[in-house]
N, C-alpha and C. Protein backbone atom coordinates (compact mmCIF):
# COMPACT_ATOMS: atom_id res chain seq x y z
N MET A 1 0.95 -1.16 0.05
CA MET A 1 -0.22 -0.22 0.23
C MET A 1 1.03 1.42 -0.12
N GLU A 2 2.00 0.91 0.83
CA GLU A 2 2.87 2.21 1.03
C GLU A 2 3.59 2.68 -0.23
N HIS A 3 3.77 1.29 -1.20
CA HIS A 3 4.13 1.58 -2.02
C HIS A 3 3.27 2.24 -3.46
N VAL A 4 2.17 1.98 -3.50
CA VAL A 4 0.96 2.23 -4.47
C VAL A 4 0.77 3.73 -3.99
N SER A 5 1.00 3.96 -2.45
CA SER A 5 0.34 5.91 -1.95
C SER A 5 1.62 6.34 -2.84
N ALA A 6 3.02 6.21 -2.77
CA ALA A 6 4.14 6.71 -3.24
C ALA A 6 4.43 6.37 -4.83
N SER A 7 4.05 6.20 -5.75
CA SER A 7 3.82 5.84 -6.78
C SER A 7 2.87 6.89 -7.40
N ARG A 8 1.64 6.59 -6.67
CA ARG A 8 0.64 8.09 -7.04
C ARG A 8 1.05 9.24 -6.63
N ALA A 9 1.70 9.59 -5.50
CA ALA A 9 2.05 10.96 -5.16
C ALA A 9 3.33 11.32 -6.49
N VAL A 10 4.06 10.64 -7.03
CA VAL A 10 4.99 10.55 -7.92
C VAL A 10 4.21 11.19 -9.64
N TRP A 11 3.12 10.42 -9.79
CA TRP A 11 2.76 10.96 -10.75
C TRP A 11 1.57 11.97 -10.75
N GLN A 12 1.04 11.87 -9.51
CA GLN A 12 0.81 13.46 -9.28
C GLN A 12 1.25 14.54 -9.42
N PHE A 13 2.23 14.55 -9.00
CA PHE A 13 3.47 15.70 -8.95
C PHE A 13 4.13 16.23 -10.44
N TRP A 14 4.16 14.64 -10.95
CA TRP A 14 4.64 14.78 -12.35
C TRP A 14 3.48 15.32 -13.22
N HIS A 15 2.30 15.38 -12.56
CA HIS A 15 0.87 15.43 -13.85
C HIS A 15 0.98 17.18 -13.18
N ARG A 16 0.91 17.60 -12.28
CA ARG A 16 1.13 19.07 -12.10
C ARG A 16 1.96 19.85 -12.78
N GLU A 17 3.27 19.25 -12.40
CA GLU A 17 4.50 19.92 -13.10
C GLU A 17 4.10 20.07 -14.80
N MET A 18 4.09 19.03 -15.25
CA MET A 18 3.75 19.06 -16.57
C MET A 18 2.45 20.19 -17.62
N PHE A 19 1.40 19.58 -16.17
CA PHE A 19 0.47 20.92 -16.47
C PHE A 19 1.12 22.68 -16.72
N SER A 20 1.54 22.54 -15.61
CA SER A 20 2.06 23.76 -15.49
C SER A 20 2.59 24.27 -16.25
N SER A 21 3.74 23.74 -16.73
CA SER A 21 4.62 23.55 -17.99
C SER A 21 3.80 24.08 -19.05
N ILE A 22 3.11 23.12 -19.62
CA ILE A 22 2.02 23.16 -20.18
C ILE A 22 1.11 24.76 -20.58
N VAL A 23 0.97 25.05 -19.55
CA VAL A 23 0.22 26.33 -19.34
C VAL A 23 1.28 27.52 -19.50
N GLY A 24 2.33 27.56 -18.94
CA GLY A 24 3.68 28.47 -18.95
C GLY A 24 3.68 28.50 -20.48
N LEU A 25 3.87 27.68 -21.27
CA LEU A 25 3.87 27.48 -22.69
C LEU A 25 3.39 28.23 -23.93
N VAL A 26 1.92 27.97 -23.03
CA VAL A 26 0.51 28.48 -23.91
C VAL A 26 0.70 30.03 -23.69
N ARG A 27 0.89 30.51 -22.30
CA ARG A 27 0.86 31.67 -22.04
C ARG A 27 1.97 32.67 -22.72
N SER A 28 3.08 31.98 -22.42
CA SER A 28 4.47 32.41 -23.26
C SER A 28 4.21 32.91 -24.60
N PHE A 29 3.16 31.99 -25.43
CA PHE A 29 3.08 31.82 -26.95
C PHE A 29 2.17 32.87 -27.46
N PHE A 30 1.47 33.19 -26.54
CA PHE A 30 -0.23 34.12 -26.69
C PHE A 30 0.38 35.95 -26.55
N ASP A 31 1.36 35.63 -25.39
CA ASP A 31 1.89 37.02 -25.33
C ASP A 31 2.68 37.59 -26.38
N THR A 32 3.96 36.40 -26.85
CA THR A 32 4.72 36.55 -28.02
C THR A 32 4.07 37.10 -29.51
N VAL A 33 2.90 36.31 -29.38
CA VAL A 33 1.78 36.85 -30.70
C VAL A 33 1.05 38.15 -30.60
N ILE A 34 0.85 37.85 -29.11
CA ILE A 34 -0.12 39.61 -28.85
C ILE A 34 0.87 40.67 -28.91
N ASP A 35 1.98 40.68 -28.30
CA ASP A 35 3.21 41.81 -28.57
C ASP A 35 3.34 42.03 -29.91
N PHE A 36 4.01 40.56 -31.01
CA PHE A 36 3.95 40.81 -32.22
C PHE A 36 2.72 41.95 -32.58
N LEU A 37 1.65 41.38 -32.87
CA LEU A 37 0.60 41.88 -33.31
C LEU A 37 0.53 43.48 -33.07
N ASN A 38 0.83 44.07 -31.88
CA ASN A 38 0.82 45.25 -31.53
C ASN A 38 1.82 45.81 -32.40
N ARG A 39 2.81 45.10 -32.09
CA ARG A 39 4.19 46.09 -33.06
C ARG A 39 3.73 45.93 -34.18
N VAL A 40 3.01 45.49 -35.40
CA VAL A 40 2.86 45.26 -36.31
C VAL A 40 1.58 46.17 -37.02
N ILE A 41 0.53 46.26 -36.08
CA ILE A 41 -0.44 47.52 -35.70
C ILE A 41 -0.10 48.69 -35.50
N LEU A 42 0.79 48.74 -34.72
CA LEU A 42 0.56 50.03 -33.92
C LEU A 42 2.17 51.29 -34.99
N ARG A 43 2.79 49.87 -35.83
CA ARG A 43 3.87 50.70 -36.41
C ARG A 43 3.71 51.50 -37.56
N LYS A 44 2.06 51.49 -37.59
CA LYS A 44 1.56 52.62 -38.48
C LYS A 44 1.78 54.06 -37.87
N TYR A 45 1.48 54.01 -36.51
CA TYR A 45 1.17 54.87 -35.76
C TYR A 45 2.34 55.29 -34.82
N THR A 46 3.54 55.25 -35.15
CA THR A 46 4.56 55.85 -34.85
C THR A 46 5.28 57.07 -34.60
N PHE A 47 5.88 57.77 -33.69
CA PHE A 47 6.30 58.96 -33.74
C PHE A 47 6.78 59.86 -34.54
N GLU A 48 6.99 58.89 -35.79
CA GLU A 48 7.93 59.73 -37.08
C GLU A 48 6.36 59.34 -37.55
N THR A 49 5.76 58.90 -37.64
CA THR A 49 4.50 58.75 -38.73
C THR A 49 3.58 60.04 -37.87
N LEU A 50 3.19 60.56 -36.71
CA LEU A 50 2.63 61.70 -36.50
C LEU A 50 3.61 62.80 -36.26
N THR A 51 4.16 62.76 -36.91
CA THR A 51 5.16 63.86 -37.11
C THR A 51 5.03 64.44 -38.29
N GLN A 52 4.76 63.69 -38.86
CA GLN A 52 4.37 63.57 -41.05
C GLN A 52 3.15 64.19 -40.98
N THR A 53 1.99 63.54 -39.81
CA THR A 53 0.72 64.20 -39.67
C THR A 53 0.89 65.96 -39.30
N ALA A 54 1.25 65.91 -38.32
CA ALA A 54 1.34 67.30 -37.61
C ALA A 54 2.31 68.10 -38.12
N ASN A 55 3.11 67.74 -39.41
CA ASN A 55 3.92 68.49 -40.35
C ASN A 55 3.12 69.13 -41.32
N TYR A 56 2.32 68.12 -41.97
CA TYR A 56 1.34 68.67 -42.89
C TYR A 56 0.27 69.67 -42.46
N LEU A 57 -0.10 69.63 -41.32
CA LEU A 57 -1.34 70.50 -40.51
C LEU A 57 -0.44 71.89 -40.82
N ARG A 58 1.06 72.14 -40.23
CA ARG A 58 1.38 73.03 -39.76
C ARG A 58 1.37 73.66 -41.13
N LYS A 59 1.75 73.19 -42.09
CA LYS A 59 1.85 73.94 -43.31
C LYS A 59 0.70 74.37 -43.74
N HIS A 60 -0.37 74.19 -43.18
CA HIS A 60 -1.73 74.56 -43.70
C HIS A 60 -2.43 75.44 -42.50
N VAL A 61 -1.45 76.02 -41.68
CA VAL A 61 -2.18 76.41 -40.56
C VAL A 61 -0.90 77.82 -39.97
N PRO A 62 -1.39 78.99 -39.93
CA PRO A 62 -0.22 80.01 -39.75
C PRO A 62 -0.02 80.30 -38.09
N PHE A 63 -0.80 79.25 -37.18
CA PHE A 63 -0.39 79.85 -35.85
C PHE A 63 -0.38 78.48 -35.42
N THR A 64 -0.01 78.16 -33.76
CA THR A 64 0.30 77.23 -32.96
C THR A 64 -1.22 76.90 -31.87
N PRO A 65 -2.13 76.20 -32.02
CA PRO A 65 -3.14 75.75 -31.31
C PRO A 65 -2.43 75.82 -30.05
N LYS A 66 -3.55 76.60 -29.11
CA LYS A 66 -3.14 76.11 -27.58
C LYS A 66 -4.07 75.37 -26.79
N ILE A 67 -5.63 74.97 -27.25
CA ILE A 67 -6.52 74.29 -27.03
C ILE A 67 -7.14 73.56 -28.23
N GLY A 68 -7.10 72.29 -27.77
CA GLY A 68 -7.80 71.14 -28.37
C GLY A 68 -9.10 71.00 -27.82
N ILE A 69 -10.04 71.10 -28.74
CA ILE A 69 -11.73 70.63 -28.34
C ILE A 69 -12.17 69.49 -29.20
N ILE A 70 -12.01 68.07 -28.60
CA ILE A 70 -13.03 67.69 -29.59
C ILE A 70 -14.24 67.39 -29.25
N CYS A 71 -15.52 67.89 -30.37
CA CYS A 71 -16.76 68.54 -30.45
C CYS A 71 -17.47 67.20 -30.25
N GLY A 72 -18.09 66.93 -29.31
CA GLY A 72 -19.10 65.61 -29.02
C GLY A 72 -20.46 66.02 -29.99
N SER A 73 -21.72 65.13 -29.83
CA SER A 73 -22.59 65.32 -30.71
C SER A 73 -23.26 67.01 -30.50
N GLY A 74 -23.67 67.45 -31.65
CA GLY A 74 -24.65 68.50 -31.32
C GLY A 74 -23.36 70.20 -31.48
N LEU A 75 -22.10 69.59 -31.14
CA LEU A 75 -21.48 70.96 -31.22
C LEU A 75 -20.50 70.93 -32.16
N GLY A 76 -20.47 70.11 -33.03
CA GLY A 76 -20.00 70.08 -34.21
C GLY A 76 -20.72 69.95 -35.72
N ALA A 77 -21.66 69.53 -35.82
CA ALA A 77 -22.82 69.73 -37.05
C ALA A 77 -22.68 70.94 -37.90
N TYR A 78 -23.04 70.79 -38.94
CA TYR A 78 -23.10 71.61 -39.95
C TYR A 78 -24.66 72.41 -39.87
N TRP A 79 -25.50 71.85 -39.70
CA TRP A 79 -26.85 72.12 -39.12
C TRP A 79 -27.21 73.21 -38.21
N ASP A 80 -26.34 72.65 -36.86
CA ASP A 80 -26.51 73.50 -35.85
C ASP A 80 -25.42 75.07 -35.98
N LYS A 81 -26.26 76.03 -36.38
CA LYS A 81 -25.42 77.11 -36.74
C LYS A 81 -25.01 77.66 -35.24
N GLY A 82 -25.44 77.40 -34.15
CA GLY A 82 -24.97 77.64 -32.66
C GLY A 82 -23.82 77.06 -32.75
N SER A 83 -23.41 75.92 -33.25
CA SER A 83 -22.51 74.88 -32.50
C SER A 83 -20.99 75.79 -32.05
N LEU A 84 -20.47 74.84 -31.46
CA LEU A 84 -19.07 75.46 -30.85
C LEU A 84 -18.17 75.79 -32.30
N ALA A 85 -18.11 74.51 -32.81
CA ALA A 85 -16.85 74.86 -34.11
C ALA A 85 -17.81 75.65 -35.37
N ASP A 86 -18.82 76.05 -35.07
CA ASP A 86 -19.64 77.45 -35.78
C ASP A 86 -19.03 78.26 -35.37
N SER A 87 -18.79 78.49 -33.97
CA SER A 87 -18.34 79.81 -33.57
C SER A 87 -16.92 80.23 -33.60
N VAL A 88 -15.97 78.85 -34.38
CA VAL A 88 -14.85 79.62 -34.14
C VAL A 88 -14.77 80.50 -35.52
N GLU A 89 -13.49 81.69 -35.12
CA GLU A 89 -13.09 82.71 -36.20
C GLU A 89 -12.21 82.36 -36.82
N ASN A 90 -12.09 82.83 -37.83
CA ASN A 90 -10.90 82.78 -38.93
C ASN A 90 -10.79 81.21 -39.26
N LYS A 91 -11.95 80.62 -39.60
CA LYS A 91 -11.77 79.15 -39.89
C LYS A 91 -10.47 78.56 -40.89
N ILE A 92 -10.22 77.96 -40.81
CA ILE A 92 -9.15 76.94 -41.12
C ILE A 92 -10.07 75.60 -41.33
N GLU A 93 -10.58 75.01 -42.75
CA GLU A 93 -11.11 73.65 -42.26
C GLU A 93 -10.41 72.49 -43.15
N ILE A 94 -10.06 71.63 -42.48
CA ILE A 94 -9.42 70.36 -43.27
C ILE A 94 -9.73 69.04 -43.18
N PRO A 95 -10.66 68.83 -44.12
CA PRO A 95 -11.06 67.46 -43.99
C PRO A 95 -10.11 65.96 -43.53
N TYR A 96 -10.87 65.49 -42.89
CA TYR A 96 -9.82 64.22 -42.20
C TYR A 96 -9.21 63.23 -43.57
N GLU A 97 -10.42 63.29 -44.32
CA GLU A 97 -9.66 62.44 -45.75
C GLU A 97 -8.55 63.27 -46.60
N LYS A 98 -7.81 64.70 -46.59
CA LYS A 98 -6.75 65.33 -46.57
C LYS A 98 -5.62 65.03 -45.83
N ILE A 99 -5.88 64.33 -44.42
CA ILE A 99 -4.52 64.68 -43.86
C ILE A 99 -4.05 63.19 -43.60
N PRO A 100 -3.06 63.10 -43.71
CA PRO A 100 -2.17 61.99 -43.86
C PRO A 100 -2.37 60.94 -42.98
N HIS A 101 -2.66 59.69 -42.56
CA HIS A 101 -2.48 58.56 -41.45
C HIS A 101 -3.47 58.98 -40.43
N PHE A 102 -4.66 59.69 -41.30
CA PHE A 102 -5.70 60.42 -40.26
C PHE A 102 -7.09 59.20 -40.11
N PRO A 103 -7.89 58.68 -39.30
CA PRO A 103 -9.08 58.19 -39.69
C PRO A 103 -10.17 58.85 -40.20
N ARG A 104 -10.88 58.05 -40.65
CA ARG A 104 -12.32 58.79 -41.14
C ARG A 104 -13.66 58.53 -39.94
N SER A 105 -14.32 59.40 -39.94
CA SER A 105 -15.20 59.80 -39.24
C SER A 105 -16.68 59.00 -39.95
N THR A 106 -17.29 58.04 -39.90
CA THR A 106 -18.52 57.30 -40.20
C THR A 106 -19.71 57.42 -39.18
N VAL A 107 -19.82 58.32 -38.39
CA VAL A 107 -21.12 58.40 -38.16
C VAL A 107 -22.26 59.70 -38.02
N LYS A 108 -23.00 59.48 -38.30
CA LYS A 108 -23.93 60.51 -38.92
C LYS A 108 -24.22 61.36 -38.22
N GLY A 109 -23.62 62.99 -39.14
CA GLY A 109 -23.74 64.40 -38.01
C GLY A 109 -22.24 64.60 -37.41
N HIS A 110 -21.47 63.12 -37.72
CA HIS A 110 -20.46 63.59 -37.74
C HIS A 110 -19.48 64.14 -38.73
N VAL A 111 -18.74 65.71 -39.22
CA VAL A 111 -18.73 66.07 -40.00
C VAL A 111 -17.05 65.25 -40.82
N GLY A 112 -16.34 65.15 -40.21
CA GLY A 112 -15.11 64.64 -40.34
C GLY A 112 -14.30 65.93 -40.71
N GLU A 113 -13.26 66.70 -39.94
CA GLU A 113 -12.84 67.89 -40.21
C GLU A 113 -12.03 68.30 -39.40
N LEU A 114 -11.00 68.96 -39.10
CA LEU A 114 -10.40 69.58 -38.32
C LEU A 114 -10.44 70.96 -38.59
N VAL A 115 -11.24 71.99 -37.31
CA VAL A 115 -11.36 73.15 -37.70
C VAL A 115 -10.39 74.28 -36.42
N PHE A 116 -9.68 74.74 -37.30
CA PHE A 116 -8.57 75.47 -36.53
C PHE A 116 -8.71 77.27 -36.82
N GLY A 117 -8.59 77.91 -35.53
CA GLY A 117 -9.45 79.56 -35.77
C GLY A 117 -9.13 79.96 -34.28
N TYR A 118 -9.67 81.10 -33.70
CA TYR A 118 -9.87 81.37 -32.61
C TYR A 118 -11.42 81.84 -32.57
N LEU A 119 -11.13 81.40 -30.76
CA LEU A 119 -12.10 81.23 -30.07
C LEU A 119 -11.60 82.56 -28.59
N SER A 120 -12.63 83.48 -28.71
CA SER A 120 -12.11 84.46 -27.61
C SER A 120 -10.69 85.00 -27.95
N ASN A 121 -10.30 84.77 -29.41
CA ASN A 121 -8.73 85.33 -29.61
C ASN A 121 -7.84 84.13 -29.04
N VAL A 122 -8.42 83.17 -28.50
CA VAL A 122 -7.32 81.90 -28.12
C VAL A 122 -7.19 80.78 -29.68
N PRO A 123 -6.26 80.86 -29.58
CA PRO A 123 -5.99 79.75 -30.88
C PRO A 123 -6.58 78.51 -30.55
N VAL A 124 -7.21 77.62 -31.62
CA VAL A 124 -7.92 76.23 -30.78
C VAL A 124 -7.50 75.68 -32.46
N VAL A 125 -8.02 74.63 -31.92
CA VAL A 125 -8.28 73.42 -33.17
C VAL A 125 -9.38 72.58 -32.36
N CYS A 126 -10.50 71.81 -33.27
CA CYS A 126 -11.58 71.68 -32.96
C CYS A 126 -11.68 70.41 -34.01
N MET A 127 -11.96 69.36 -33.46
CA MET A 127 -12.26 68.04 -33.83
C MET A 127 -13.71 67.96 -34.08
N ARG A 128 -14.39 68.33 -35.67
CA ARG A 128 -15.44 68.09 -35.65
C ARG A 128 -15.87 66.27 -36.34
N GLY A 129 -15.99 65.58 -35.57
CA GLY A 129 -16.66 64.74 -35.88
C GLY A 129 -15.10 63.37 -35.13
N ARG A 130 -15.57 62.69 -34.35
CA ARG A 130 -14.48 61.61 -33.48
C ARG A 130 -14.51 60.44 -34.16
N PHE A 131 -13.71 59.43 -33.48
CA PHE A 131 -13.96 58.27 -33.44
C PHE A 131 -14.21 57.24 -32.61
N HIS A 132 -15.19 56.51 -32.61
CA HIS A 132 -15.33 55.27 -31.83
C HIS A 132 -15.25 53.92 -31.91
N TYR A 133 -15.00 52.85 -30.62
CA TYR A 133 -14.80 52.11 -30.76
C TYR A 133 -15.77 50.92 -31.37
N TYR A 134 -16.87 51.71 -31.37
CA TYR A 134 -18.00 50.91 -32.01
C TYR A 134 -18.68 51.14 -33.96
N GLU A 135 -17.24 52.18 -34.03
CA GLU A 135 -17.07 52.05 -35.47
C GLU A 135 -16.28 50.82 -36.08
N GLY A 136 -15.55 50.37 -34.76
CA GLY A 136 -14.57 49.15 -35.87
C GLY A 136 -13.09 49.99 -35.45
N TYR A 137 -12.68 50.73 -34.87
CA TYR A 137 -11.52 51.51 -34.71
C TYR A 137 -11.25 50.25 -33.23
N PRO A 138 -9.89 50.31 -33.17
CA PRO A 138 -8.87 49.98 -31.96
C PRO A 138 -8.91 51.14 -31.49
N LEU A 139 -9.20 51.10 -29.72
CA LEU A 139 -9.12 52.43 -29.12
C LEU A 139 -7.77 53.47 -29.24
N TRP A 140 -6.35 52.46 -29.75
CA TRP A 140 -5.22 53.07 -29.42
C TRP A 140 -5.27 54.56 -30.94
N LYS A 141 -6.39 54.11 -32.00
CA LYS A 141 -6.77 54.81 -33.22
C LYS A 141 -7.83 55.96 -32.77
N CYS A 142 -8.33 55.72 -31.79
CA CYS A 142 -9.56 56.41 -31.72
C CYS A 142 -8.89 57.83 -30.96
N ALA A 143 -7.46 56.69 -30.33
CA ALA A 143 -6.87 58.47 -29.43
C ALA A 143 -6.05 59.42 -30.43
N MET A 144 -5.53 58.70 -31.54
CA MET A 144 -4.89 59.19 -32.39
C MET A 144 -4.59 60.57 -32.28
N PRO A 145 -5.74 61.26 -32.90
CA PRO A 145 -5.32 62.69 -32.58
C PRO A 145 -4.99 63.50 -31.64
N VAL A 146 -5.44 62.71 -30.43
CA VAL A 146 -4.94 63.80 -29.60
C VAL A 146 -3.27 63.84 -29.38
N ARG A 147 -2.88 62.94 -29.79
CA ARG A 147 -1.41 62.89 -29.92
C ARG A 147 -0.67 63.62 -31.21
N VAL A 148 -1.55 63.77 -32.07
CA VAL A 148 -1.25 64.74 -33.13
C VAL A 148 -1.69 66.01 -32.44
N MET A 149 -2.39 66.32 -32.27
CA MET A 149 -3.18 67.53 -31.21
C MET A 149 -1.47 67.95 -30.04
N LYS A 150 -1.35 67.05 -29.52
CA LYS A 150 -0.05 67.55 -28.50
C LYS A 150 0.87 67.77 -29.26
N LEU A 151 1.40 67.32 -30.20
CA LEU A 151 2.50 67.78 -31.61
C LEU A 151 2.64 69.12 -32.18
N LEU A 152 1.34 69.24 -32.52
CA LEU A 152 1.17 70.97 -32.91
C LEU A 152 1.39 71.68 -31.70
N GLY A 153 1.51 71.60 -30.59
CA GLY A 153 1.53 72.27 -29.28
C GLY A 153 0.23 72.66 -28.38
N VAL A 154 -0.80 72.19 -28.36
CA VAL A 154 -1.21 71.74 -27.87
C VAL A 154 -1.34 71.56 -26.36
N GLU A 155 -1.74 72.81 -25.08
CA GLU A 155 -1.64 72.49 -24.01
C GLU A 155 -2.65 72.03 -23.17
N HIS A 156 -4.06 72.09 -23.44
CA HIS A 156 -5.26 71.86 -22.78
C HIS A 156 -6.01 71.15 -23.76
N LEU A 157 -6.94 70.31 -23.52
CA LEU A 157 -7.89 69.60 -23.86
C LEU A 157 -9.11 69.66 -23.43
N ILE A 158 -9.84 69.91 -24.21
CA ILE A 158 -11.46 69.74 -23.95
C ILE A 158 -12.54 68.73 -24.70
N VAL A 159 -12.67 67.64 -23.92
CA VAL A 159 -13.76 66.87 -24.55
C VAL A 159 -14.83 66.71 -24.46
N THR A 160 -15.86 66.55 -24.85
CA THR A 160 -17.07 67.19 -24.97
C THR A 160 -17.92 65.76 -25.47
N ASN A 161 -19.03 65.45 -24.87
CA ASN A 161 -19.78 64.25 -25.58
C ASN A 161 -21.64 64.39 -25.23
N ALA A 162 -22.43 63.93 -25.87
CA ALA A 162 -23.88 63.61 -25.88
C ALA A 162 -23.72 62.63 -24.48
N ALA A 163 -24.56 62.99 -23.25
CA ALA A 163 -24.17 62.01 -21.92
C ALA A 163 -25.94 62.20 -21.16
N GLY A 164 -25.95 61.24 -20.73
CA GLY A 164 -27.25 61.40 -19.60
C GLY A 164 -26.73 60.98 -18.20
N GLY A 165 -27.73 61.49 -17.45
CA GLY A 165 -27.64 61.66 -15.88
C GLY A 165 -28.74 61.10 -14.86
N LEU A 166 -28.25 60.49 -14.03
CA LEU A 166 -29.38 59.90 -13.69
C LEU A 166 -30.03 60.64 -12.41
N ASN A 167 -29.22 61.46 -11.90
CA ASN A 167 -29.61 63.15 -11.28
C ASN A 167 -30.61 63.98 -11.36
N SER A 168 -31.76 63.69 -11.13
CA SER A 168 -32.86 64.76 -11.25
C SER A 168 -32.61 66.20 -11.41
N ASN A 169 -31.67 66.74 -10.84
CA ASN A 169 -31.16 67.99 -10.45
C ASN A 169 -30.38 68.44 -11.85
N TYR A 170 -29.52 67.50 -12.37
CA TYR A 170 -29.13 68.33 -13.78
C TYR A 170 -29.84 68.38 -14.72
N LYS A 171 -29.15 69.53 -15.43
CA LYS A 171 -30.06 70.24 -16.75
C LYS A 171 -29.21 70.05 -17.72
N VAL A 172 -29.66 70.22 -19.04
CA VAL A 172 -28.84 70.23 -20.07
C VAL A 172 -28.21 71.60 -20.05
N GLY A 173 -26.93 71.27 -20.25
CA GLY A 173 -25.98 72.23 -20.33
C GLY A 173 -25.06 72.65 -18.85
N ASP A 174 -25.46 71.81 -18.15
CA ASP A 174 -24.59 71.57 -16.79
C ASP A 174 -23.54 71.13 -17.20
N ILE A 175 -22.00 71.44 -16.61
CA ILE A 175 -20.51 71.21 -16.48
C ILE A 175 -20.41 70.36 -15.21
N MET A 176 -20.04 68.83 -15.34
CA MET A 176 -20.04 68.01 -14.56
C MET A 176 -18.85 67.68 -14.25
N LEU A 177 -18.25 67.93 -13.39
CA LEU A 177 -16.63 67.36 -12.70
C LEU A 177 -16.74 65.64 -12.71
N VAL A 178 -15.63 65.15 -13.56
CA VAL A 178 -15.64 63.43 -13.33
C VAL A 178 -14.60 63.12 -11.95
N ARG A 179 -14.76 62.61 -11.09
CA ARG A 179 -14.11 62.57 -10.25
C ARG A 179 -13.31 60.98 -10.28
N ASP A 180 -14.37 60.57 -10.95
CA ASP A 180 -13.70 58.68 -11.27
C ASP A 180 -14.68 58.21 -12.12
N HIS A 181 -13.78 57.19 -12.75
CA HIS A 181 -14.94 56.26 -13.67
C HIS A 181 -14.68 55.08 -13.83
N ILE A 182 -15.41 54.51 -14.33
CA ILE A 182 -15.50 52.83 -14.25
C ILE A 182 -14.97 52.41 -16.04
N ASN A 183 -13.74 51.82 -16.54
CA ASN A 183 -13.32 51.91 -17.29
C ASN A 183 -14.05 49.98 -17.71
N LEU A 184 -15.69 50.17 -18.04
CA LEU A 184 -15.82 48.62 -18.52
C LEU A 184 -15.54 48.10 -19.86
N MET A 185 -14.55 48.78 -20.41
CA MET A 185 -14.14 48.39 -21.86
C MET A 185 -12.81 47.49 -21.24
N GLY A 186 -12.51 48.16 -20.21
CA GLY A 186 -10.85 47.80 -19.77
C GLY A 186 -11.34 46.65 -19.27
N PHE A 187 -12.30 46.12 -18.79
CA PHE A 187 -12.43 44.51 -18.48
C PHE A 187 -12.35 43.66 -19.26
N ALA A 188 -12.52 44.04 -20.33
CA ALA A 188 -12.45 43.14 -21.97
C ALA A 188 -10.89 43.52 -22.39
N GLY A 189 -10.11 43.95 -21.76
CA GLY A 189 -8.99 43.97 -22.18
C GLY A 189 -8.76 45.02 -23.08
N ASN A 190 -9.15 46.09 -23.33
CA ASN A 190 -9.30 47.12 -24.52
C ASN A 190 -8.68 48.55 -23.25
N ASN A 191 -7.65 48.65 -23.79
CA ASN A 191 -7.29 50.11 -23.63
C ASN A 191 -6.26 50.72 -24.73
N PRO A 192 -6.54 52.30 -24.82
CA PRO A 192 -5.69 52.86 -26.03
C PRO A 192 -4.13 52.74 -25.32
N LEU A 193 -3.61 52.72 -24.31
CA LEU A 193 -2.55 52.51 -24.11
C LEU A 193 -1.51 51.14 -24.43
N GLN A 194 -2.38 50.37 -24.91
CA GLN A 194 -1.68 48.78 -25.04
C GLN A 194 -0.84 49.19 -26.28
N GLY A 195 0.17 48.43 -26.46
CA GLY A 195 1.20 48.00 -26.99
C GLY A 195 2.65 48.64 -26.60
N PRO A 196 3.77 48.91 -27.47
CA PRO A 196 4.81 49.51 -27.12
C PRO A 196 4.77 51.07 -26.67
N ASN A 197 5.00 51.44 -25.85
CA ASN A 197 5.16 52.86 -25.79
C ASN A 197 6.22 53.85 -25.67
N ASP A 198 6.18 55.08 -26.33
CA ASP A 198 7.41 55.73 -26.98
C ASP A 198 7.43 56.64 -25.99
N GLU A 199 8.43 57.28 -25.23
CA GLU A 199 8.45 57.79 -24.24
C GLU A 199 8.49 59.37 -24.58
N ARG A 200 8.68 59.66 -26.37
CA ARG A 200 8.80 60.79 -26.85
C ARG A 200 7.54 61.30 -26.87
N PHE A 201 6.09 60.20 -26.41
CA PHE A 201 4.99 61.27 -26.53
C PHE A 201 4.11 60.94 -25.03
N GLY A 202 5.07 60.94 -23.97
CA GLY A 202 5.48 61.18 -22.64
C GLY A 202 4.97 59.87 -21.88
N PRO A 203 4.90 59.64 -20.90
CA PRO A 203 4.85 58.47 -20.02
C PRO A 203 3.53 57.72 -20.22
N ARG A 204 3.86 56.24 -20.12
CA ARG A 204 2.39 55.55 -20.65
C ARG A 204 1.65 55.78 -19.26
N LEU A 205 1.60 56.01 -18.06
CA LEU A 205 0.92 56.34 -17.03
C LEU A 205 0.96 57.60 -16.20
N PRO A 206 0.33 59.03 -16.48
CA PRO A 206 0.69 59.98 -16.23
C PRO A 206 -0.43 60.43 -15.26
N ARG A 207 -0.09 60.91 -14.55
CA ARG A 207 -0.53 61.14 -13.27
C ARG A 207 -2.09 62.65 -13.78
N THR A 208 -3.01 62.14 -13.74
CA THR A 208 -4.12 63.15 -14.38
C THR A 208 -5.02 64.07 -13.28
N LEU A 209 -4.40 64.14 -11.93
CA LEU A 209 -5.24 64.94 -10.76
C LEU A 209 -4.20 65.49 -10.44
N PRO A 210 -4.16 66.31 -9.90
CA PRO A 210 -2.67 67.34 -8.81
C PRO A 210 -3.46 66.58 -7.52
N ARG A 211 -2.30 66.19 -6.61
CA ARG A 211 -2.08 65.53 -5.56
C ARG A 211 -3.27 65.94 -4.37
N THR A 212 -3.23 66.94 -4.39
CA THR A 212 -4.57 68.08 -3.60
C THR A 212 -5.80 67.50 -3.86
N LEU A 213 -6.21 66.84 -4.75
CA LEU A 213 -7.55 66.37 -5.19
C LEU A 213 -7.69 64.81 -5.16
N VAL A 214 -6.56 64.43 -5.05
CA VAL A 214 -6.28 62.84 -4.94
C VAL A 214 -6.61 62.50 -3.35
């Protein structure tokens, strides 16, 4: 009985070790594949590639925008003459399809152009039409225009979108301070920071709030 128990223990130990080795090999294989795919996919948007995009825009815009504005639904539509994008003075409008390496907006009502100009004498650039994950774009491509804005000299970014609220005291036009959020898509492994990080774009995980607010 002792001989049988010892043999069984050896067999169980060997079985566990083999299983662990197989799991490790499979995990290593998938990590290698994912890293390779990330490098191949992200190769299009290297620092050099986005510098080409920024240089193209500089040739058409004689000033440096200081504020970047991503116009949400209703703030960039042509039919809304009171829209934020329509309020820009001395406008220079550049369609996305003319900008090297730039994605295309496919959502109805999202025009698809960058609008350069001035708001209250401040040089700005507005995205008239943005890119969404549900359009089939990976998150890193949705975030690509923000990196281009940074290369152009933008120091502050204003992001807007159409949103609903559960608080009945909220009214249309209210400004809400986002103190925290739950990244539901992150639970599925989706993140715009995935892939190799180029330090020339900045740190991968920068501090987003001053210490006094944390």
